């Protein structure tokens, strides 16, 4: 059997798309359990085919797997502005090369780059 090529850093279990006919968002899952690369492209990769450095979690409103190989910097930014949505609007910044540095944008808000 040929080894499957793992090229993306994100694989999710479902695809979200907008049905123009019914004017609503829909969730599409593969009946065989194959994953979607970058949240869009159906692959023949199953969760058990992923290497051990892929971490399972909930991201982009779906369950999926993110690569932790080569991660140099992580920064977790909680959002305290909405009281009844614990962790809903928090951000996780991940950098595979440059350090994550804070900066002020044109409105004076602190944000991050890197």
PDB file of N, CA and C in Angstrom:
ATOM      1  N   UNK A   1       0.834  -1.179   0.000  1.00  0.00           N
ATOM      2  CA  UNK A   1       0.000   0.000   0.000  1.00  0.00           C
ATOM      3  C   UNK A   1       0.877   1.241   0.000  1.00  0.00           C
ATOM      4  N   UNK A   2       0.510   2.241  -0.786  1.00  0.00           N
ATOM      5  CA  UNK A   2       1.270   3.478  -0.920  1.00  0.00           C
ATOM      6  C   UNK A   2       1.082   4.368   0.301  1.00  0.00           C
ATOM      7  N   UNK A   3       2.166   4.982   0.786  1.00  0.00           N
ATOM      8  CA  UNK A   3       2.093   5.888   1.923  1.00  0.00           C
ATOM      9  C   UNK A   3       1.369   7.165   1.509  1.00  0.00           C
ATOM     10  N   UNK A   4       0.452   7.628   2.350  1.00  0.00           N
ATOM     11  CA  UNK A   4      -0.322   8.825   2.032  1.00  0.00           C
ATOM     12  C   UNK A   4       0.511  10.068   2.308  1.00  0.00           C
ATOM     13  N   UNK A   5       0.359  11.053   1.445  1.00  0.00           N
ATOM     14  CA  UNK A   5       1.134  12.276   1.539  1.00  0.00           C
ATOM     15  C   UNK A   5       0.433  13.285   2.448  1.00  0.00           C
ATOM     16  N   UNK A   6       1.098  13.641   3.531  1.00  0.00           N
ATOM     17  CA  UNK A   6       0.568  14.614   4.482  1.00  0.00           C
ATOM     18  C   UNK A   6       1.266  15.939   4.197  1.00  0.00           C
ATOM     19  N   UNK A   7       0.560  16.892   3.563  1.00  0.00           N
ATOM     20  CA  UNK A   7       1.178  18.153   3.167  1.00  0.00           C
ATOM     21  C   UNK A   7       0.633  19.357   3.925  1.00  0.00           C
ATOM     22  N   UNK A   8      -0.578  19.293   4.394  1.00  0.00           N
ATOM     23  CA  UNK A   8      -1.215  20.427   5.059  1.00  0.00           C
ATOM     24  C   UNK A   8      -0.902  20.420   6.548  1.00  0.00           C
ATOM     25  N   UNK A   9      -1.063  21.575   7.208  1.00  0.00           N
ATOM     26  CA  UNK A   9      -0.906  21.656   8.655  1.00  0.00           C
ATOM     27  C   UNK A   9      -2.254  21.594   9.364  1.00  0.00           C
ATOM     28  N   UNK A  10      -3.354  21.553   8.599  1.00  0.00           N
ATOM     29  CA  UNK A  10      -4.694  21.500   9.185  1.00  0.00           C
ATOM     30  C   UNK A  10      -5.572  20.519   8.413  1.00  0.00           C
ATOM     31  N   UNK A  11      -6.159  19.578   9.146  1.00  0.00           N
ATOM     32  CA  UNK A  11      -7.137  18.638   8.581  1.00  0.00           C
ATOM     33  C   UNK A  11      -8.361  18.652   9.489  1.00  0.00           C
ATOM     34  N   UNK A  12      -9.549  18.801   8.909  1.00  0.00           N
ATOM     35  CA  UNK A  12     -10.779  18.826   9.693  1.00  0.00           C
ATOM     36  C   UNK A  12     -11.710  17.697   9.259  1.00  0.00           C
ATOM     37  N   UNK A  13     -12.654  17.372  10.141  1.00  0.00           N
ATOM     38  CA  UNK A  13     -13.544  16.239   9.901  1.00  0.00           C
ATOM     39  C   UNK A  13     -14.753  16.580   9.038  1.00  0.00           C
ATOM     40  N   UNK A  14     -15.046  17.876   8.864  1.00  0.00           N
ATOM     41  CA  UNK A  14     -16.212  18.270   8.076  1.00  0.00           C
ATOM     42  C   UNK A  14     -15.902  19.538   7.296  1.00  0.00           C
ATOM     43  N   UNK A  15     -16.748  19.814   6.330  1.00  0.00           N
ATOM     44  CA  UNK A  15     -16.613  21.001   5.493  1.00  0.00           C
ATOM     45  C   UNK A  15     -17.880  21.831   5.647  1.00  0.00           C
ATOM     46  N   UNK A  16     -17.708  23.142   5.846  1.00  0.00           N
ATOM     47  CA  UNK A  16     -18.850  24.048   5.936  1.00  0.00           C
ATOM     48  C   UNK A  16     -18.942  24.811   4.621  1.00  0.00           C
ATOM     49  N   UNK A  17     -20.130  24.803   4.023  1.00  0.00           N
ATOM     50  CA  UNK A  17     -20.305  25.523   2.757  1.00  0.00           C
ATOM     51  C   UNK A  17     -21.674  26.192   2.748  1.00  0.00           C
ATOM     52  N   UNK A  18     -21.829  27.182   1.877  1.00  0.00           N
ATOM     53  CA  UNK A  18     -23.086  27.913   1.761  1.00  0.00           C
ATOM     54  C   UNK A  18     -23.870  27.372   0.590  1.00  0.00           C
ATOM     55  N   UNK A  19     -25.067  26.880   0.853  1.00  0.00           N
ATOM     56  CA  UNK A  19     -25.956  26.371  -0.190  1.00  0.00           C
ATOM     57  C   UNK A  19     -26.747  27.562  -0.738  1.00  0.00           C
ATOM     58  N   UNK A  20     -26.431  27.979  -1.938  1.00  0.00           N
ATOM     59  CA  UNK A  20     -27.070  29.160  -2.527  1.00  0.00           C
ATOM     60  C   UNK A  20     -28.546  28.940  -2.826  1.00  0.00           C
ATOM     61  N   UNK A  21     -28.902  27.710  -3.119  1.00  0.00           N
ATOM     62  CA  UNK A  21     -30.299  27.402  -3.435  1.00  0.00           C
ATOM     63  C   UNK A  21     -31.185  27.553  -2.199  1.00  0.00           C
ATOM     64  N   UNK A  22     -30.747  26.995  -1.081  1.00  0.00           N
ATOM     65  CA  UNK A  22     -31.534  27.062   0.147  1.00  0.00           C
ATOM     66  C   UNK A  22     -31.137  28.248   1.033  1.00  0.00           C
ATOM     67  N   UNK A  23     -30.105  28.986   0.615  1.00  0.00           N
ATOM     68  CA  UNK A  23     -29.638  30.185   1.324  1.00  0.00           C
ATOM     69  C   UNK A  23     -29.326  29.908   2.795  1.00  0.00           C
ATOM     70  N   UNK A  24     -28.519  28.883   3.014  1.00  0.00           N
ATOM     71  CA  UNK A  24     -28.094  28.553   4.372  1.00  0.00           C
ATOM     72  C   UNK A  24     -26.765  27.806   4.342  1.00  0.00           C
ATOM     73  N   UNK A  25     -26.067  27.842   5.478  1.00  0.00           N
ATOM     74  CA  UNK A  25     -24.814  27.108   5.606  1.00  0.00           C
ATOM     75  C   UNK A  25     -25.122  25.651   5.915  1.00  0.00           C
ATOM     76  N   UNK A  26     -24.304  24.768   5.353  1.00  0.00           N
ATOM     77  CA  UNK A  26     -24.473  23.336   5.584  1.00  0.00           C
ATOM     78  C   UNK A  26     -23.132  22.718   5.938  1.00  0.00           C
ATOM     79  N   UNK A  27     -23.198  21.600   6.637  1.00  0.00           N
ATOM     80  CA  UNK A  27     -22.003  20.862   7.039  1.00  0.00           C
ATOM     81  C   UNK A  27     -21.959  19.569   6.241  1.00  0.00           C
ATOM     82  N   UNK A  28     -20.824  19.316   5.616  1.00  0.00           N
ATOM     83  CA  UNK A  28     -20.642  18.118   4.802  1.00  0.00           C
ATOM     84  C   UNK A  28     -19.585  17.230   5.453  1.00  0.00           C
ATOM     85  N   UNK A  29     -19.916  15.971   5.674  1.00  0.00           N
ATOM     86  CA  UNK A  29     -18.977  14.983   6.221  1.00  0.00           C
ATOM     87  C   UNK A  29     -18.817  13.847   5.222  1.00  0.00           C
ATOM     88  N   UNK A  30     -17.622  13.316   5.165  1.00  0.00           N
ATOM     89  CA  UNK A  30     -17.375  12.177   4.301  1.00  0.00           C
ATOM     90  C   UNK A  30     -17.875  10.913   4.998  1.00  0.00           C
ATOM     91  N   UNK A  31     -18.669  10.078   4.321  1.00  0.00           N
ATOM     92  CA  UNK A  31     -19.198   8.870   4.978  1.00  0.00           C
ATOM     93  C   UNK A  31     -18.113   7.868   5.364  1.00  0.00           C
ATOM     94  N   UNK A  32     -16.960   7.900   4.693  1.00  0.00           N
ATOM     95  CA  UNK A  32     -15.866   6.988   5.024  1.00  0.00           C
ATOM     96  C   UNK A  32     -14.984   7.517   6.151  1.00  0.00           C
ATOM     97  N   UNK A  33     -15.203   8.755   6.575  1.00  0.00           N
ATOM     98  CA  UNK A  33     -14.406   9.336   7.657  1.00  0.00           C
ATOM     99  C   UNK A  33     -13.136  10.017   7.191  1.00  0.00           C
ATOM    100  N   UNK A  34     -13.011  10.264   5.886  1.00  0.00           N
ATOM    101  CA  UNK A  34     -11.826  10.945   5.376  1.00  0.00           C
ATOM    102  C   UNK A  34     -11.848  12.415   5.795  1.00  0.00           C
ATOM    103  N   UNK A  35     -10.657  13.014   5.887  1.00  0.00           N
ATOM    104  CA  UNK A  35     -10.513  14.380   6.372  1.00  0.00           C
ATOM    105  C   UNK A  35     -10.439  15.385   5.234  1.00  0.00           C
ATOM    106  N   UNK A  36     -10.745  16.638   5.561  1.00  0.00           N
ATOM    107  CA  UNK A  36     -10.663  17.744   4.610  1.00  0.00           C
ATOM    108  C   UNK A  36      -9.389  18.540   4.894  1.00  0.00           C
ATOM    109  N   UNK A  37      -8.547  18.677   3.895  1.00  0.00           N
ATOM    110  CA  UNK A  37      -7.324  19.455   4.016  1.00  0.00           C
ATOM    111  C   UNK A  37      -7.658  20.935   3.968  1.00  0.00           C
ATOM    112  N   UNK A  38      -7.089  21.708   4.892  1.00  0.00           N
ATOM    113  CA  UNK A  38      -7.316  23.149   4.996  1.00  0.00           C
ATOM    114  C   UNK A  38      -8.799  23.486   5.132  1.00  0.00           C
ATOM    115  N   UNK A  39      -9.601  22.525   5.541  1.00  0.00           N
ATOM    116  CA  UNK A  39     -11.022  22.752   5.742  1.00  0.00           C
ATOM    117  C   UNK A  39     -11.845  22.761   4.475  1.00  0.00           C
ATOM    118  N   UNK A  40     -11.224  22.514   3.312  1.00  0.00           N
ATOM    119  CA  UNK A  40     -11.939  22.618   2.035  1.00  0.00           C
ATOM    120  C   UNK A  40     -11.813  21.402   1.134  1.00  0.00           C
ATOM    121  N   UNK A  41     -10.643  20.818   1.075  1.00  0.00           N
ATOM    122  CA  UNK A  41     -10.350  19.814   0.048  1.00  0.00           C
ATOM    123  C   UNK A  41     -10.420  18.406   0.628  1.00  0.00           C
ATOM    124  N   UNK A  42     -11.306  17.578   0.082  1.00  0.00           N
ATOM    125  CA  UNK A  42     -11.456  16.209   0.549  1.00  0.00           C
ATOM    126  C   UNK A  42     -10.218  15.401   0.178  1.00  0.00           C
ATOM    127  N   UNK A  43      -9.693  14.667   1.149  1.00  0.00           N
ATOM    128  CA  UNK A  43      -8.526  13.816   0.926  1.00  0.00           C
ATOM    129  C   UNK A  43      -8.933  12.362   1.152  1.00  0.00           C
ATOM    130  N   UNK A  44      -7.993  11.470   1.009  1.00  0.00           N
ATOM    131  CA  UNK A  44      -8.216  10.063   1.338  1.00  0.00           C
ATOM    132  C   UNK A  44      -7.535   9.718   2.660  1.00  0.00           C
ATOM    133  N   UNK A  45      -7.203  10.747   3.434  1.00  0.00           N
ATOM    134  CA  UNK A  45      -6.495  10.579   4.693  1.00  0.00           C
ATOM    135  C   UNK A  45      -7.501  10.389   5.823  1.00  0.00           C
ATOM    136  N   UNK A  46      -7.283   9.364   6.625  1.00  0.00           N
ATOM    137  CA  UNK A  46      -8.088   9.097   7.804  1.00  0.00           C
ATOM    138  C   UNK A  46      -7.348   9.605   9.040  1.00  0.00           C
ATOM    139  N   UNK A  47      -8.035   9.850  10.154  1.00  0.00           N
ATOM    140  CA  UNK A  47      -7.343  10.333  11.353  1.00  0.00           C
ATOM    141  C   UNK A  47      -6.192   9.435  11.808  1.00  0.00           C
ATOM    142  N   UNK A  48      -6.336   8.138  11.649  1.00  0.00           N
ATOM    143  CA  UNK A  48      -5.263   7.237  12.077  1.00  0.00           C
ATOM    144  C   UNK A  48      -4.041   7.271  11.146  1.00  0.00           C
ATOM    145  N   UNK A  49      -4.168   7.873   9.966  1.00  0.00           N
ATOM    146  CA  UNK A  49      -3.039   8.014   9.045  1.00  0.00           C
ATOM    147  C   UNK A  49      -2.123   9.179   9.411  1.00  0.00           C
ATOM    148  N   UNK A  50      -2.606  10.090  10.247  1.00  0.00           N
ATOM    149  CA  UNK A  50      -1.822  11.274  10.601  1.00  0.00           C
ATOM    150  C   UNK A  50      -0.692  10.909  11.554  1.00  0.00           C
ATOM    151  N   UNK A  51       0.461  11.570  11.411  1.00  0.00           N
ATOM    152  CA  UNK A  51       1.581  11.320  12.331  1.00  0.00           C
ATOM    153  C   UNK A  51       1.251  11.774  13.756  1.00  0.00           C
ATOM    154  N   UNK A  52       2.090  11.382  14.710  1.00  0.00           N
ATOM    155  CA  UNK A  52       1.816  11.648  16.124  1.00  0.00           C
ATOM    156  C   UNK A  52       1.894  13.126  16.493  1.00  0.00           C
ATOM    157  N   UNK A  53       2.484  13.970  15.666  1.00  0.00           N
ATOM    158  CA  UNK A  53       2.584  15.391  15.998  1.00  0.00           C
ATOM    159  C   UNK A  53       1.332  16.191  15.628  1.00  0.00           C
ATOM    160  N   UNK A  54       0.315  15.544  15.090  1.00  0.00           N
ATOM    161  CA  UNK A  54      -0.964  16.214  14.841  1.00  0.00           C
ATOM    162  C   UNK A  54      -1.816  16.151  16.110  1.00  0.00           C
ATOM    163  N   UNK A  55      -2.340  17.301  16.519  1.00  0.00           N
ATOM    164  CA  UNK A  55      -3.099  17.425  17.751  1.00  0.00           C
ATOM    165  C   UNK A  55      -4.578  17.594  17.420  1.00  0.00           C
ATOM    166  N   UNK A  56      -5.414  16.791  18.074  1.00  0.00           N
ATOM    167  CA  UNK A  56      -6.860  16.882  17.859  1.00  0.00           C
ATOM    168  C   UNK A  56      -7.416  18.024  18.691  1.00  0.00           C
ATOM    169  N   UNK A  57      -8.348  18.779  18.114  1.00  0.00           N
ATOM    170  CA  UNK A  57      -8.970  19.874  18.839  1.00  0.00           C
ATOM    171  C   UNK A  57     -10.160  20.429  18.082  1.00  0.00           C
ATOM    172  N   UNK A  58     -10.762  21.443  18.666  1.00  0.00           N
ATOM    173  CA  UNK A  58     -11.903  22.126  18.063  1.00  0.00           C
ATOM    174  C   UNK A  58     -11.415  23.460  17.535  1.00  0.00           C
ATOM    175  N   UNK A  59     -11.431  23.633  16.220  1.00  0.00           N
ATOM    176  CA  UNK A  59     -10.934  24.854  15.604  1.00  0.00           C
ATOM    177  C   UNK A  59     -11.769  25.204  14.390  1.00  0.00           C
ATOM    178  N   UNK A  60     -11.956  26.481  14.163  1.00  0.00           N
ATOM    179  CA  UNK A  60     -12.751  26.963  13.029  1.00  0.00           C
ATOM    180  C   UNK A  60     -14.146  26.339  12.996  1.00  0.00           C
ATOM    181  N   UNK A  61     -14.777  26.212  14.167  1.00  0.00           N
ATOM    182  CA  UNK A  61     -16.131  25.678  14.341  1.00  0.00           C
ATOM    183  C   UNK A  61     -16.264  24.211  13.937  1.00  0.00           C
ATOM    184  N   UNK A  62     -15.144  23.490  13.935  1.00  0.00           N
ATOM    185  CA  UNK A  62     -15.162  22.069  13.585  1.00  0.00           C
ATOM    186  C   UNK A  62     -14.095  21.322  14.375  1.00  0.00           C
ATOM    187  N   UNK A  63     -14.269  20.015  14.470  1.00  0.00           N
ATOM    188  CA  UNK A  63     -13.232  19.177  15.063  1.00  0.00           C
ATOM    189  C   UNK A  63     -12.215  18.865  13.982  1.00  0.00           C
ATOM    190  N   UNK A  64     -10.945  18.841  14.374  1.00  0.00           N
ATOM    191  CA  UNK A  64      -9.913  18.568  13.396  1.00  0.00           C
ATOM    192  C   UNK A  64      -8.566  18.328  14.043  1.00  0.00           C
ATOM    193  N   UNK A  65      -7.542  18.359  13.207  1.00  0.00           N
ATOM    194  CA  UNK A  65      -6.182  18.048  13.629  1.00  0.00           C
ATOM    195  C   UNK A  65      -5.242  19.119  13.092  1.00  0.00           C
ATOM    196  N   UNK A  66      -4.380  19.637  13.980  1.00  0.00           N
ATOM    197  CA  UNK A  66      -3.422  20.665  13.604  1.00  0.00           C
ATOM    198  C   UNK A  66      -2.011  20.145  13.872  1.00  0.00           C
ATOM    199  N   UNK A  67      -1.114  20.445  12.962  1.00  0.00           N
ATOM    200  CA  UNK A  67       0.261  19.994  13.102  1.00  0.00           C
ATOM    201  C   UNK A  67       1.002  20.840  14.131  1.00  0.00           C
ATOM    202  N   UNK A  68       1.701  20.172  15.028  1.00  0.00           N
ATOM    203  CA  UNK A  68       2.537  20.863  16.012  1.00  0.00           C
ATOM    204  C   UNK A  68       4.011  20.715  15.669  1.00  0.00           C
ATOM    205  N   UNK A  69       4.308  20.131  14.540  1.00  0.00           N
ATOM    206  CA  UNK A  69       5.701  19.931  14.135  1.00  0.00           C
ATOM    207  C   UNK A  69       6.282  21.251  13.642  1.00  0.00           C
ATOM    208  N   UNK A  70       7.386  21.634  14.203  1.00  0.00           N
ATOM    209  CA  UNK A  70       8.067  22.847  13.767  1.00  0.00           C
ATOM    210  C   UNK A  70       7.524  24.129  14.373  1.00  0.00           C
ATOM    211  N   UNK A  71       6.623  24.053  15.331  1.00  0.00           N
ATOM    212  CA  UNK A  71       6.088  25.264  15.955  1.00  0.00           C
ATOM    213  C   UNK A  71       7.186  25.901  16.800  1.00  0.00           C
ATOM    214  N   UNK A  72       7.429  27.182  16.552  1.00  0.00           N
ATOM    215  CA  UNK A  72       8.472  27.905  17.278  1.00  0.00           C
ATOM    216  C   UNK A  72       7.886  28.760  18.406  1.00  0.00           C
ATOM    217  N   UNK A  73       6.718  29.354  18.144  1.00  0.00           N
ATOM    218  CA  UNK A  73       6.122  30.264  19.123  1.00  0.00           C
ATOM    219  C   UNK A  73       4.612  30.072  19.186  1.00  0.00           C
ATOM    220  N   UNK A  74       4.070  30.172  20.411  1.00  0.00           N
ATOM    221  CA  UNK A  74       2.629  30.134  20.648  1.00  0.00           C
ATOM    222  C   UNK A  74       2.268  31.321  21.524  1.00  0.00           C
ATOM    223  N   UNK A  75       1.105  31.912  21.254  1.00  0.00           N
ATOM    224  CA  UNK A  75       0.615  32.991  22.096  1.00  0.00           C
ATOM    225  C   UNK A  75      -0.899  32.859  22.188  1.00  0.00           C
ATOM    226  N   UNK A  76      -1.397  32.758  23.403  1.00  0.00           N
ATOM    227  CA  UNK A  76      -2.835  32.652  23.650  1.00  0.00           C
ATOM    228  C   UNK A  76      -3.343  34.007  24.106  1.00  0.00           C
ATOM    229  N   UNK A  77      -4.358  34.532  23.425  1.00  0.00           N
ATOM    230  CA  UNK A  77      -4.923  35.845  23.737  1.00  0.00           C
ATOM    231  C   UNK A  77      -6.383  35.652  24.128  1.00  0.00           C
ATOM    232  N   UNK A  78      -6.689  35.704  25.446  1.00  0.00           N
ATOM    233  CA  UNK A  78      -8.089  35.584  25.859  1.00  0.00           C
ATOM    234  C   UNK A  78      -8.865  36.850  25.534  1.00  0.00           C
ATOM    235  N   UNK A  79     -10.157  36.701  25.369  1.00  0.00           N
ATOM    236  CA  UNK A  79     -11.030  37.836  25.097  1.00  0.00           C
ATOM    237  C   UNK A  79     -11.983  37.984  26.277  1.00  0.00           C
ATOM    238  N   UNK A  80     -11.827  39.072  27.019  1.00  0.00           N
ATOM    239  CA  UNK A  80     -12.648  39.290  28.202  1.00  0.00           C
ATOM    240  C   UNK A  80     -13.792  40.262  27.951  1.00  0.00           C
ATOM    241  N   UNK A  81     -14.015  40.676  26.722  1.00  0.00           N
ATOM    242  CA  UNK A  81     -15.044  41.683  26.465  1.00  0.00           C
ATOM    243  C   UNK A  81     -16.460  41.111  26.493  1.00  0.00           C
ATOM    244  N   UNK A  82     -16.640  39.855  26.141  1.00  0.00           N
ATOM    245  CA  UNK A  82     -17.962  39.228  26.147  1.00  0.00           C
ATOM    246  C   UNK A  82     -18.023  38.290  27.344  1.00  0.00           C
ATOM    247  N   UNK A  83     -18.869  38.597  28.321  1.00  0.00           N
ATOM    248  CA  UNK A  83     -18.861  37.872  29.586  1.00  0.00           C
ATOM    249  C   UNK A  83     -19.445  36.463  29.508  1.00  0.00           C
ATOM    250  N   UNK A  84     -20.488  36.257  28.727  1.00  0.00           N
ATOM    251  CA  UNK A  84     -21.168  34.959  28.738  1.00  0.00           C
ATOM    252  C   UNK A  84     -20.716  34.021  27.615  1.00  0.00           C
ATOM    253  N   UNK A  85     -19.592  34.299  26.984  1.00  0.00           N
ATOM    254  CA  UNK A  85     -19.067  33.424  25.934  1.00  0.00           C
ATOM    255  C   UNK A  85     -17.641  33.013  26.286  1.00  0.00           C
ATOM    256  N   UNK A  86     -17.489  32.211  27.297  1.00  0.00           N
ATOM    257  CA  UNK A  86     -16.178  31.793  27.769  1.00  0.00           C
ATOM    258  C   UNK A  86     -15.409  31.079  26.662  1.00  0.00           C
ATOM    259  N   UNK A  87     -14.259  31.559  26.326  1.00  0.00           N
ATOM    260  CA  UNK A  87     -13.325  31.011  25.328  1.00  0.00           C
ATOM    261  C   UNK A  87     -13.817  31.112  23.885  1.00  0.00           C
ATOM    262  N   UNK A  88     -14.990  31.671  23.633  1.00  0.00           N
ATOM    263  CA  UNK A  88     -15.535  31.677  22.279  1.00  0.00           C
ATOM    264  C   UNK A  88     -14.744  32.580  21.339  1.00  0.00           C
ATOM    265  N   UNK A  89     -14.338  33.748  21.804  1.00  0.00           N
ATOM    266  CA  UNK A  89     -13.651  34.696  20.937  1.00  0.00           C
ATOM    267  C   UNK A  89     -12.170  34.822  21.268  1.00  0.00           C
ATOM    268  N   UNK A  90     -11.601  33.846  21.955  1.00  0.00           N
ATOM    269  CA  UNK A  90     -10.175  33.849  22.252  1.00  0.00           C
ATOM    270  C   UNK A  90      -9.391  33.537  20.980  1.00  0.00           C
ATOM    271  N   UNK A  91      -8.123  33.903  20.970  1.00  0.00           N
ATOM    272  CA  UNK A  91      -7.262  33.673  19.802  1.00  0.00           C
ATOM    273  C   UNK A  91      -6.008  32.928  20.216  1.00  0.00           C
ATOM    274  N   UNK A  92      -5.561  32.034  19.352  1.00  0.00           N
ATOM    275  CA  UNK A  92      -4.303  31.333  19.538  1.00  0.00           C
ATOM    276  C   UNK A  92      -3.433  31.638  18.332  1.00  0.00           C
ATOM    277  N   UNK A  93      -2.333  32.315  18.567  1.00  0.00           N
ATOM    278  CA  UNK A  93      -1.405  32.662  17.499  1.00  0.00           C
ATOM    279  C   UNK A  93      -0.312  31.601  17.456  1.00  0.00           C
ATOM    280  N   UNK A  94      -0.053  31.063  16.279  1.00  0.00           N
ATOM    281  CA  UNK A  94       0.946  30.007  16.090  1.00  0.00           C
ATOM    282  C   UNK A  94       1.920  30.458  15.022  1.00  0.00           C
ATOM    283  N   UNK A  95       3.209  30.371  15.324  1.00  0.00           N
ATOM    284  CA  UNK A  95       4.231  30.760  14.353  1.00  0.00           C
ATOM    285  C   UNK A  95       5.194  29.595  14.148  1.00  0.00           C
ATOM    286  N   UNK A  96       5.468  29.307  12.891  1.00  0.00           N
ATOM    287  CA  UNK A  96       6.398  28.242  12.552  1.00  0.00           C
ATOM    288  C   UNK A  96       7.800  28.772  12.275  1.00  0.00           C
ATOM    289  N   UNK A  97       7.967  30.089  12.239  1.00  0.00           N
ATOM    290  CA  UNK A  97       9.303  30.627  11.959  1.00  0.00           C
ATOM    291  C   UNK A  97       9.653  31.845  12.809  1.00  0.00           C
ATOM    292  N   UNK A  98       8.959  32.969  12.671  1.00  0.00           N
ATOM    293  CA  UNK A  98       9.317  34.215  13.353  1.00  0.00           C
ATOM    294  C   UNK A  98       8.663  34.284  14.733  1.00  0.00           C
ATOM    295  N   UNK A  99       9.298  35.007  15.677  1.00  0.00           N
ATOM    296  CA  UNK A  99       8.643  35.192  16.970  1.00  0.00           C
ATOM    297  C   UNK A  99       7.392  36.052  16.841  1.00  0.00           C
ATOM    298  N   UNK A 100       6.445  35.836  17.715  1.00  0.00           N
ATOM    299  CA  UNK A 100       5.204  36.607  17.714  1.00  0.00           C
ATOM    300  C   UNK A 100       5.429  37.844  18.571  1.00  0.00           C
ATOM    301  N   UNK A 101       5.298  39.018  17.959  1.00  0.00           N
ATOM    302  CA  UNK A 101       5.581  40.283  18.629  1.00  0.00           C
ATOM    303  C   UNK A 101       4.321  41.141  18.688  1.00  0.00           C
ATOM    304  N   UNK A 102       4.091  41.836  19.808  1.00  0.00           N
ATOM    305  CA  UNK A 102       2.939  42.741  19.887  1.00  0.00           C
ATOM    306  C   UNK A 102       3.219  44.045  19.146  1.00  0.00           C
ATOM    307  N   UNK A 103       2.169  44.669  18.620  1.00  0.00           N
ATOM    308  CA  UNK A 103       2.270  45.988  17.999  1.00  0.00           C
ATOM    309  C   UNK A 103       0.923  46.689  18.150  1.00  0.00           C
ATOM    310  N   UNK A 104       0.927  47.990  18.020  1.00  0.00           N
ATOM    311  CA  UNK A 104      -0.306  48.784  18.082  1.00  0.00           C
ATOM    312  C   UNK A 104      -0.772  49.055  16.658  1.00  0.00           C
ATOM    313  N   UNK A 105      -2.047  48.809  16.390  1.00  0.00           N
ATOM    314  CA  UNK A 105      -2.574  49.097  15.059  1.00  0.00           C
ATOM    315  C   UNK A 105      -2.959  50.570  14.961  1.00  0.00           C
ATOM    316  N   UNK A 106      -3.530  50.971  13.831  1.00  0.00           N
ATOM    317  CA  UNK A 106      -3.848  52.384  13.592  1.00  0.00           C
ATOM    318  C   UNK A 106      -4.892  52.941  14.555  1.00  0.00           C
ATOM    319  N   UNK A 107      -5.682  52.071  15.197  1.00  0.00           N
ATOM    320  CA  UNK A 107      -6.688  52.516  16.163  1.00  0.00           C
ATOM    321  C   UNK A 107      -6.190  52.473  17.602  1.00  0.00           C
ATOM    322  N   UNK A 108      -4.930  52.068  17.805  1.00  0.00           N
ATOM    323  CA  UNK A 108      -4.357  52.009  19.137  1.00  0.00           C
ATOM    324  C   UNK A 108      -4.558  50.698  19.859  1.00  0.00           C
ATOM    325  N   UNK A 109      -5.157  49.696  19.192  1.00  0.00           N
ATOM    326  CA  UNK A 109      -5.363  48.402  19.811  1.00  0.00           C
ATOM    327  C   UNK A 109      -4.093  47.562  19.684  1.00  0.00           C
ATOM    328  N   UNK A 110      -3.826  46.758  20.712  1.00  0.00           N
ATOM    329  CA  UNK A 110      -2.670  45.870  20.665  1.00  0.00           C
ATOM    330  C   UNK A 110      -3.028  44.606  19.897  1.00  0.00           C
ATOM    331  N   UNK A 111      -2.198  44.241  18.941  1.00  0.00           N
ATOM    332  CA  UNK A 111      -2.372  43.027  18.151  1.00  0.00           C
ATOM    333  C   UNK A 111      -1.009  42.396  17.982  1.00  0.00           C
ATOM    334  N   UNK A 112      -0.929  41.297  17.248  1.00  0.00           N
ATOM    335  CA  UNK A 112       0.319  40.548  17.168  1.00  0.00           C
ATOM    336  C   UNK A 112       0.671  40.215  15.728  1.00  0.00           C
ATOM    337  N   UNK A 113       1.954  40.093  15.466  1.00  0.00           N
ATOM    338  CA  UNK A 113       2.438  39.669  14.146  1.00  0.00           C
ATOM    339  C   UNK A 113       3.630  38.754  14.325  1.00  0.00           C
ATOM    340  N   UNK A 114       3.899  37.983  13.288  1.00  0.00           N
ATOM    341  CA  UNK A 114       5.046  37.093  13.351  1.00  0.00           C
ATOM    342  C   UNK A 114       4.702  35.684  12.959  1.00  0.00           C
TER     343      UNK A 114
END
